[in-house]
Amino acid sequence: MTRNVLIITGSRTHPAQTGGQLHTSGIAKSLARLGYSVRMFALAGRQEDYRGTQTDQRHQLIETGLVEDINPALGYGLLQAGFRRLGLPRFWQYLLMKLGWASAPLRTAVREADLVLCDHPYIPPLGRSGADKPWYLISHELQYRQLEQGPPMERRFAAWMRAVEAKAPSTYRDIMAVSEEDQDYFRRHDVAHRCRLPIVGSAIDPKDYQTPAGTRDFVRARLGVTDEELLVVFAGSKFGPNLDALATVKAFCTAEEAFLKQEGIVFLLLGSMESSAYRQGAMIATGRVDTIPPYFAASDVGLNPVTWGAGANVKLFEYLATRLPVLSTRFGVRGTELKAGADYVEYGSSEELKTALVDLARGRSRAEWRRFAEDVWQRHKHYADMLEVVRRATDQLRDFK
């Protein structure tokens, strides 16, 4: 019998625009491909979803077995927008769900589901409604640590979120942990020892990153990058760790402009971490884009320069899936099994970055680096391919049978 799975999210997930949305989308697609009937329900939409011409976007068939609905209530959208402008975490979602204040469409979705997945601890089980359903948590990272590392307004809520996450093992039937760090934390607070806590890491679906023949040449021509130049992509959203890392990359490109020009190295800053597109020296920024796989197809190296944050970076798995050799800080590969030298090129200082870039540009041919990246993917796909990861998780969770 097909099981009906409901995934409640804070905002619209498709098309994914952040690492967290990619993570949730990958879980949803994998469940659908494993034979479950999956419905996603977003408590709030994006700005365009509340315009009169975009009402058709509030119910979308994503693929066979997977649909996404957006809560039509304008009030939820206004709350979402207001809290974002104030720089506040979305604790309003937690309060509304905890008190059982849900829209009629959400209550219907809960009633029709066999089991419910909550995307982030900001979404607890819905009051008394659906009390007979098994509720699961999708953990992307320990949210209280993210708040601790955020701006002053967010830090005020870190202790509250820490209490929420400490109670998670008794609040939900079980938890899909994103890393061993999350798993250990929740296990320490699982006083009843009832949660199995399977790890569903920041894996991705490699099928989503396949591109037509000729994509590489087309995108590079549009960007003004020659085939001889080494294109190093850094993908990221407007998120604290990414923005700090972006500042270091821009400073490096400015200070080493002559070196980069001499070596034929160009940095592609991909995603919403830059608000608009531009080209400046050895840097090309895209701003927000509708789809990212073509840019990965055009690139030669995947860069992860982050030095703080929580959880694992989805961008790292995207690089692996698109067979890009990875250039990363040691912190950037947290939450993976990647080993420096054998699986990725590591750097710490600006001088080490220069040395690594020269090695990537001259040490091996592009074909040899691609074969290197293919070998890395094959060694690590057991936790980098979302379909394999979700299949193992559902085998461990009793309600999914």
Protein backbone atom coordinates (compact mmCIF):
# COMPACT_ATOMS: atom_id res chain seq x y z
CA MET A 1 0.00 0.00 0.00
CA THR A 2 1.28 3.46 -0.91
CA ARG A 3 1.97 5.57 2.15
CA ASN A 4 0.92 9.23 2.09
CA VAL A 5 3.73 11.42 3.37
CA LEU A 6 3.19 15.09 4.25
CA ILE A 7 6.22 17.39 4.53
CA ILE A 8 5.47 20.72 6.23
CA THR A 9 7.95 23.46 5.35
CA GLY A 10 8.34 27.06 6.42
CA SER A 11 8.26 28.43 2.89
CA ARG A 12 8.05 27.26 -0.73
CA THR A 13 10.81 24.79 -1.57
CA HIS A 14 10.64 24.44 -5.38
CA PRO A 15 12.62 25.58 -7.19
CA ALA A 16 15.20 25.31 -4.41
CA GLN A 17 17.12 28.51 -3.69
CA THR A 18 19.09 27.58 -0.55
CA GLY A 19 21.06 24.61 0.71
CA GLY A 20 18.30 23.78 3.18
CA GLN A 21 15.71 23.76 0.43
CA LEU A 22 17.90 21.50 -1.68
CA HIS A 23 18.17 19.12 1.26
CA THR A 24 14.39 19.00 1.81
CA SER A 25 13.70 18.77 -1.91
CA GLY A 26 16.11 15.86 -2.21
CA ILE A 27 14.37 13.98 0.60
CA ALA A 28 10.94 14.63 -0.94
CA LYS A 29 11.99 13.50 -4.43
CA SER A 30 13.70 10.40 -3.08
CA LEU A 31 10.60 9.38 -1.12
CA ALA A 32 8.48 9.83 -4.26
CA ARG A 33 10.91 7.74 -6.30
CA LEU A 34 10.78 5.03 -3.63
CA GLY A 35 7.01 4.75 -4.15
CA TYR A 36 5.57 7.07 -1.49
CA SER A 37 2.90 9.64 -2.31
CA VAL A 38 4.48 12.90 -1.13
CA ARG A 39 2.75 16.20 -0.52
CA MET A 40 4.68 19.27 0.57
CA PHE A 41 2.81 22.06 2.34
CA ALA A 42 4.53 25.45 2.73
CA LEU A 43 3.26 27.62 5.58
CA ALA A 44 4.20 30.69 3.54
CA GLY A 45 5.14 31.39 -0.05
CA ARG A 46 7.61 33.68 -1.74
CA GLN A 47 6.78 37.25 -2.64
CA GLU A 48 5.64 36.37 -6.14
CA ASP A 49 3.20 33.76 -4.84
CA TYR A 50 0.92 36.49 -3.48
CA ARG A 51 0.62 38.40 -6.71
CA GLY A 52 -2.61 37.88 -8.60
CA THR A 53 -0.84 36.54 -11.69
CA GLN A 54 1.02 33.85 -9.73
CA THR A 55 -1.85 32.07 -7.99
CA ASP A 56 -1.34 29.08 -10.28
CA GLN A 57 2.01 28.51 -8.53
CA ARG A 58 0.31 27.66 -5.22
CA HIS A 59 -0.22 24.06 -6.30
CA GLN A 60 2.51 22.43 -8.33
CA LEU A 61 3.17 18.93 -9.57
CA ILE A 62 6.93 18.67 -9.08
CA GLU A 63 7.26 15.15 -10.48
CA THR A 64 5.39 11.86 -10.37
CA GLY A 65 4.31 11.24 -6.78
CA LEU A 66 5.31 14.69 -5.52
CA VAL A 67 3.22 17.87 -5.25
CA GLU A 68 3.77 21.12 -3.40
CA ASP A 69 1.03 23.36 -1.99
CA ILE A 70 1.46 26.86 -0.61
CA ASN A 71 -0.76 28.08 2.20
CA PRO A 72 -3.11 30.57 0.48
CA ALA A 73 -3.58 32.68 3.64
CA LEU A 74 -2.00 36.10 3.05
CA GLY A 75 -1.47 36.61 6.78
CA TYR A 76 1.16 33.87 6.90
CA GLY A 77 3.04 35.51 4.04
CA LEU A 78 2.95 38.90 5.80
CA LEU A 79 4.28 37.34 9.01
CA GLN A 80 7.09 35.69 7.07
CA ALA A 81 8.04 38.94 5.33
CA GLY A 82 7.79 40.98 8.54
CA PHE A 83 10.00 38.66 10.57
CA ARG A 84 12.60 38.58 7.81
CA ARG A 85 12.74 42.37 7.65
CA LEU A 86 13.18 42.55 11.40
CA GLY A 87 15.93 39.92 11.29
CA LEU A 88 13.98 37.61 13.59
CA PRO A 89 13.95 33.81 13.41
CA ARG A 90 10.62 32.29 12.46
CA PHE A 91 9.44 31.41 15.95
CA TRP A 92 5.96 32.58 14.88
CA GLN A 93 5.62 29.31 12.97
CA TYR A 94 6.50 27.35 16.09
CA LEU A 95 3.93 29.21 18.21
CA LEU A 96 1.10 28.86 15.67
CA MET A 97 1.74 25.14 15.19
CA LYS A 98 2.16 24.49 18.91
CA LEU A 99 -1.11 26.26 19.69
CA GLY A 100 -2.88 24.38 16.90
CA TRP A 101 -3.68 27.53 14.93
CA ALA A 102 -3.60 26.10 11.43
CA SER A 103 -5.38 26.95 8.22
CA ALA A 104 -8.11 24.63 6.96
CA PRO A 105 -5.95 23.41 4.01
CA LEU A 106 -3.16 22.41 6.41
CA ARG A 107 -5.58 20.57 8.70
CA THR A 108 -6.91 18.70 5.68
CA ALA A 109 -3.38 17.81 4.56
CA VAL A 110 -2.55 16.46 8.03
CA ARG A 111 -5.76 14.47 8.18
CA GLU A 112 -5.06 12.81 4.81
CA ALA A 113 -1.45 11.91 5.64
CA ASP A 114 -0.19 8.64 7.07
CA LEU A 115 2.88 10.33 8.52
CA VAL A 116 4.24 13.87 8.73
CA LEU A 117 7.75 15.24 8.32
CA CYS A 118 8.50 18.65 9.86
CA ASP A 119 11.15 20.68 8.07
CA HIS A 120 13.21 22.32 10.88
CA PRO A 121 12.33 22.41 14.60
CA TYR A 122 10.44 25.66 13.98
CA ILE A 123 7.62 23.32 12.94
CA PRO A 124 6.40 21.14 15.84
CA PRO A 125 3.48 18.68 15.73
CA LEU A 126 0.22 20.54 15.21
CA GLY A 127 -1.40 20.87 18.65
CA ARG A 128 -4.03 18.19 19.16
CA SER A 129 -4.74 17.93 15.45
CA GLY A 130 -3.15 14.87 13.96
CA ALA A 131 -2.22 13.52 17.38
CA ASP A 132 -2.75 10.04 16.00
CA LYS A 133 -0.11 10.59 13.29
CA PRO A 134 3.61 9.85 13.59
CA TRP A 135 5.51 13.17 13.33
CA TYR A 136 9.17 13.24 12.29
CA LEU A 137 11.75 16.01 12.27
CA ILE A 138 14.08 16.78 9.37
CA SER A 139 17.17 18.33 10.97
CA HIS A 140 19.38 20.43 8.68
CA GLU A 141 21.76 21.47 11.44
CA LEU A 142 21.54 22.36 15.10
CA GLN A 143 19.53 25.55 14.80
CA TYR A 144 20.53 26.92 18.19
CA ARG A 145 24.17 26.96 17.08
CA GLN A 146 23.25 28.81 13.92
CA LEU A 147 21.42 31.40 16.03
CA GLU A 148 24.39 31.68 18.39
CA GLN A 149 26.58 32.57 15.43
CA GLY A 150 24.09 35.02 13.93
CA PRO A 151 23.53 38.76 14.45
CA PRO A 152 22.51 40.10 17.90
CA MET A 153 18.78 39.81 17.21
CA GLU A 154 19.09 36.10 16.40
CA ARG A 155 21.40 35.38 19.31
CA ARG A 156 18.63 36.39 21.71
CA PHE A 157 16.66 33.30 20.64
CA ALA A 158 19.52 30.77 20.82
CA ALA A 159 18.71 29.60 24.37
CA TRP A 160 15.04 29.16 23.47
CA MET A 161 15.92 27.11 20.39
CA ARG A 162 18.39 25.04 22.39
CA ALA A 163 15.54 24.07 24.74
CA VAL A 164 13.31 23.26 21.75
CA GLU A 165 15.94 21.02 20.17
CA ALA A 166 16.74 19.33 23.49
CA LYS A 167 13.08 18.28 23.68
CA ALA A 168 12.97 17.11 20.06
CA PRO A 169 13.56 13.40 20.81
CA SER A 170 10.43 13.37 22.97
CA THR A 171 8.46 15.74 20.71
CA TYR A 172 8.78 13.74 17.49
CA ARG A 173 8.49 10.03 16.71
CA ASP A 174 12.03 10.15 15.35
CA ILE A 175 14.55 12.52 13.78
CA MET A 176 16.41 12.47 10.47
CA ALA A 177 19.76 13.87 11.63
CA VAL A 178 21.95 15.65 9.09
CA SER A 179 25.29 14.70 10.62
CA GLU A 180 26.93 12.72 13.41
CA GLU A 181 27.11 15.95 15.41
CA ASP A 182 23.31 16.33 15.26
CA GLN A 183 22.82 12.63 15.89
CA ASP A 184 25.02 12.72 19.01
CA TYR A 185 23.24 15.80 20.35
CA PHE A 186 19.76 14.32 19.96
CA ARG A 187 20.90 10.95 21.31
CA ARG A 188 22.16 12.61 24.49
CA HIS A 189 18.70 14.12 25.01
CA ASP A 190 16.77 10.96 24.11
CA VAL A 191 16.21 9.91 27.71
CA ALA A 192 13.73 7.22 26.68
CA HIS A 193 16.17 5.75 24.12
CA ARG A 194 13.38 5.41 21.58
CA CYS A 195 14.77 7.28 18.55
CA ARG A 196 16.83 5.55 15.88
CA LEU A 197 18.14 8.87 14.48
CA PRO A 198 19.18 7.80 10.97
CA ILE A 199 21.58 10.22 9.31
CA VAL A 200 20.15 11.86 6.20
CA GLY A 201 23.00 14.18 5.32
CA SER A 202 23.26 17.02 2.85
CA ALA A 203 23.23 14.57 -0.02
CA ILE A 204 21.77 15.42 -3.41
CA ASP A 205 20.17 13.66 -6.38
CA PRO A 206 22.82 13.46 -9.11
CA LYS A 207 20.08 13.21 -11.76
CA ASP A 208 19.11 16.80 -10.99
CA TYR A 209 22.56 17.93 -12.10
CA GLN A 210 22.67 16.33 -15.52
CA THR A 211 22.86 18.83 -18.38
CA PRO A 212 22.53 18.51 -22.17
CA ALA A 213 25.58 18.15 -24.38
CA GLY A 214 27.10 21.50 -25.24
CA THR A 215 26.07 23.17 -21.98
CA ARG A 216 29.65 23.78 -20.87
CA ASP A 217 30.65 25.62 -24.07
CA PHE A 218 27.40 27.60 -24.19
CA VAL A 219 27.62 28.87 -20.60
CA ARG A 220 31.34 29.66 -20.77
CA ALA A 221 30.78 31.66 -23.96
CA ARG A 222 27.97 33.59 -22.29
CA LEU A 223 30.19 34.31 -19.29
CA GLY A 224 33.10 35.33 -21.50
CA VAL A 225 35.38 32.56 -20.23
CA THR A 226 37.70 30.82 -22.68
CA ASP A 227 38.28 27.09 -22.70
CA GLU A 228 41.88 27.64 -21.60
CA GLU A 229 40.91 29.51 -18.42
CA LEU A 230 40.34 27.66 -15.14
CA LEU A 231 36.83 28.48 -13.88
CA VAL A 232 36.53 28.08 -10.09
CA VAL A 233 32.93 28.13 -8.85
CA PHE A 234 31.85 29.16 -5.36
CA ALA A 235 28.11 28.56 -4.94
CA GLY A 236 26.13 30.00 -2.05
CA SER A 237 23.08 31.84 -0.79
CA LYS A 238 22.94 35.03 1.27
CA PHE A 239 23.84 33.26 4.50
CA GLY A 240 26.31 34.37 7.17
CA PRO A 241 29.08 31.77 6.66
CA ASN A 242 28.86 32.19 2.87
CA LEU A 243 29.00 35.99 3.09
CA ASP A 244 32.08 35.92 5.32
CA ALA A 245 33.75 33.45 2.97
CA LEU A 246 32.76 35.61 0.00
CA ALA A 247 34.53 38.59 1.56
CA THR A 248 37.77 36.60 1.82
CA VAL A 249 37.48 35.41 -1.80
CA LYS A 250 36.90 38.95 -3.07
CA ALA A 251 39.82 40.25 -1.04
CA PHE A 252 42.03 37.48 -2.48
CA CYS A 253 40.96 38.24 -6.05
CA THR A 254 41.66 41.94 -5.57
CA ALA A 255 45.07 41.39 -3.97
CA GLU A 256 46.12 38.71 -6.47
CA GLU A 257 44.63 40.16 -9.65
CA ALA A 258 47.93 40.02 -11.54
CA PHE A 259 48.59 36.44 -10.45
CA LEU A 260 45.12 35.27 -11.47
CA LYS A 261 45.35 36.98 -14.85
CA GLN A 262 48.78 35.44 -15.50
CA GLU A 263 47.56 31.95 -14.58
CA GLY A 264 44.26 32.28 -16.44
CA ILE A 265 42.07 31.69 -13.34
CA VAL A 266 38.54 33.07 -13.01
CA PHE A 267 36.26 32.86 -9.95
CA LEU A 268 32.52 32.34 -10.53
CA LEU A 269 30.43 33.60 -7.59
CA LEU A 270 27.21 31.69 -8.09
CA GLY A 271 23.95 32.46 -6.33
CA SER A 272 22.20 35.03 -4.21
CA MET A 273 25.17 35.80 -1.93
CA GLU A 274 25.73 38.61 -4.45
CA SER A 275 22.59 40.65 -5.09
CA SER A 276 23.31 41.35 -8.76
CA ALA A 277 25.39 40.11 -11.66
CA TYR A 278 28.73 41.74 -12.50
CA ARG A 279 32.24 41.10 -13.80
CA GLN A 280 35.20 42.65 -12.01
CA GLY A 281 38.74 41.53 -12.72
CA ALA A 282 38.97 37.79 -12.07
CA MET A 283 35.47 37.64 -10.53
CA ILE A 284 32.16 36.92 -12.25
CA ALA A 285 29.01 37.12 -10.10
CA THR A 286 25.68 35.78 -11.30
CA GLY A 287 23.32 36.99 -8.57
CA ARG A 288 20.28 34.78 -8.03
CA VAL A 289 19.76 32.29 -10.87
CA ASP A 290 16.83 30.06 -11.76
CA THR A 291 18.93 26.95 -12.22
CA ILE A 292 22.48 26.14 -11.16
CA PRO A 293 23.53 22.85 -12.90
CA PRO A 294 24.57 24.59 -16.15
CA TYR A 295 27.05 26.71 -14.20
CA PHE A 296 28.54 23.64 -12.56
CA ALA A 297 28.83 22.03 -16.01
CA ALA A 298 30.78 25.09 -17.18
CA SER A 299 33.17 25.04 -14.21
CA ASP A 300 36.46 23.23 -13.63
CA VAL A 301 36.81 23.38 -9.83
CA GLY A 302 34.34 23.57 -6.93
CA LEU A 303 35.43 25.94 -4.13
CA ASN A 304 34.24 25.83 -0.52
CA PRO A 305 35.98 28.61 1.45
CA VAL A 306 33.68 28.65 4.50
CA THR A 307 35.31 28.65 7.94
CA TRP A 308 32.32 28.60 10.30
CA GLY A 309 28.74 27.39 10.51
CA ALA A 310 26.93 24.18 11.41
CA GLY A 311 25.98 21.02 9.56
CA ALA A 312 27.45 20.10 6.20
CA ASN A 313 27.45 22.29 3.09
CA VAL A 314 25.17 21.11 0.31
CA LYS A 315 27.45 22.83 -2.22
CA LEU A 316 30.11 20.23 -1.45
CA PHE A 317 27.83 17.39 -2.53
CA GLU A 318 26.82 19.33 -5.62
CA TYR A 319 30.47 19.60 -6.60
CA LEU A 320 30.96 15.87 -6.06
CA ALA A 321 27.87 14.93 -8.07
CA THR A 322 28.92 17.12 -11.00
CA ARG A 323 32.40 15.57 -10.91
CA LEU A 324 34.25 18.74 -10.00
CA PRO A 325 37.52 18.46 -8.08
CA VAL A 326 36.99 20.13 -4.72
CA LEU A 327 39.13 22.95 -3.34
CA SER A 328 38.23 23.57 0.29
CA THR A 329 39.22 24.71 3.72
CA ARG A 330 39.46 21.93 6.27
CA PHE A 331 36.31 23.23 7.97
CA GLY A 332 34.49 23.21 4.64
CA VAL A 333 34.47 19.40 4.41
CA ARG A 334 32.96 18.84 7.87
CA GLY A 335 30.17 16.27 7.87
CA THR A 336 31.85 14.22 5.13
CA GLU A 337 34.43 11.48 4.90
CA LEU A 338 36.64 13.42 2.48
CA LYS A 339 40.38 13.26 3.16
CA ALA A 340 42.82 15.97 2.11
CA GLY A 341 44.96 14.91 -0.83
CA ALA A 342 43.06 11.71 -1.55
CA ASP A 343 39.66 13.33 -2.08
CA TYR A 344 40.07 17.10 -2.21
CA VAL A 345 42.65 19.87 -2.37
CA GLU A 346 42.96 21.64 0.98
CA TYR A 347 44.08 25.18 1.73
CA GLY A 348 44.20 27.42 4.78
CA SER A 349 46.05 30.63 3.96
CA SER A 350 46.13 32.86 0.89
CA GLU A 351 49.55 31.48 -0.05
CA GLU A 352 48.24 27.93 0.21
CA LEU A 353 45.30 28.93 -1.97
CA LYS A 354 47.67 30.24 -4.64
CA THR A 355 49.68 27.01 -4.55
CA ALA A 356 46.51 24.92 -4.79
CA LEU A 357 45.22 26.94 -7.75
CA VAL A 358 48.48 26.49 -9.64
CA ASP A 359 48.30 22.74 -9.01
CA LEU A 360 44.71 22.63 -10.26
CA ALA A 361 45.60 24.67 -13.33
CA ARG A 362 48.88 22.95 -14.24
CA GLY A 363 49.40 19.82 -12.12
CA ARG A 364 47.09 17.61 -14.14
CA SER A 365 45.08 17.96 -17.32
CA ARG A 366 41.37 18.76 -17.13
CA ALA A 367 40.60 15.18 -18.13
CA GLU A 368 42.81 13.82 -15.35
CA TRP A 369 41.11 16.05 -12.76
CA ARG A 370 37.71 14.86 -14.03
CA ARG A 371 38.78 11.23 -13.59
CA PHE A 372 40.00 12.12 -10.11
CA ALA A 373 36.59 13.65 -9.32
CA GLU A 374 34.78 10.62 -10.75
CA ASP A 375 36.77 8.31 -8.46
CA VAL A 376 35.93 10.53 -5.47
CA TRP A 377 32.21 10.40 -6.28
CA GLN A 378 32.23 6.62 -6.60
CA ARG A 379 33.99 6.24 -3.24
CA HIS A 380 31.60 8.57 -1.42
CA LYS A 381 28.24 8.20 -3.15
CA HIS A 382 26.97 5.92 -0.37
CA TYR A 383 26.31 9.06 1.70
CA ALA A 384 26.32 11.71 -1.08
CA ASP A 385 23.52 10.23 -3.25
CA MET A 386 20.22 11.21 -1.59
CA LEU A 387 18.22 8.29 -2.99
CA GLU A 388 20.58 5.77 -1.39
CA VAL A 389 20.61 7.71 1.88
CA VAL A 390 16.82 8.01 2.11
CA ARG A 391 16.34 4.34 1.24
CA ARG A 392 18.53 3.36 4.19
CA ALA A 393 16.71 5.79 6.49
CA THR A 394 13.24 4.51 5.63
CA ASP A 395 14.44 0.96 6.26
CA GLN A 396 15.20 2.02 9.85
CA LEU A 397 11.98 3.96 10.53
CA ARG A 398 9.03 1.71 11.36
CA ASP A 399 6.20 3.96 10.15
CA PHE A 400 7.56 4.04 6.61
CA LYS A 401 6.97 0.33 6.06
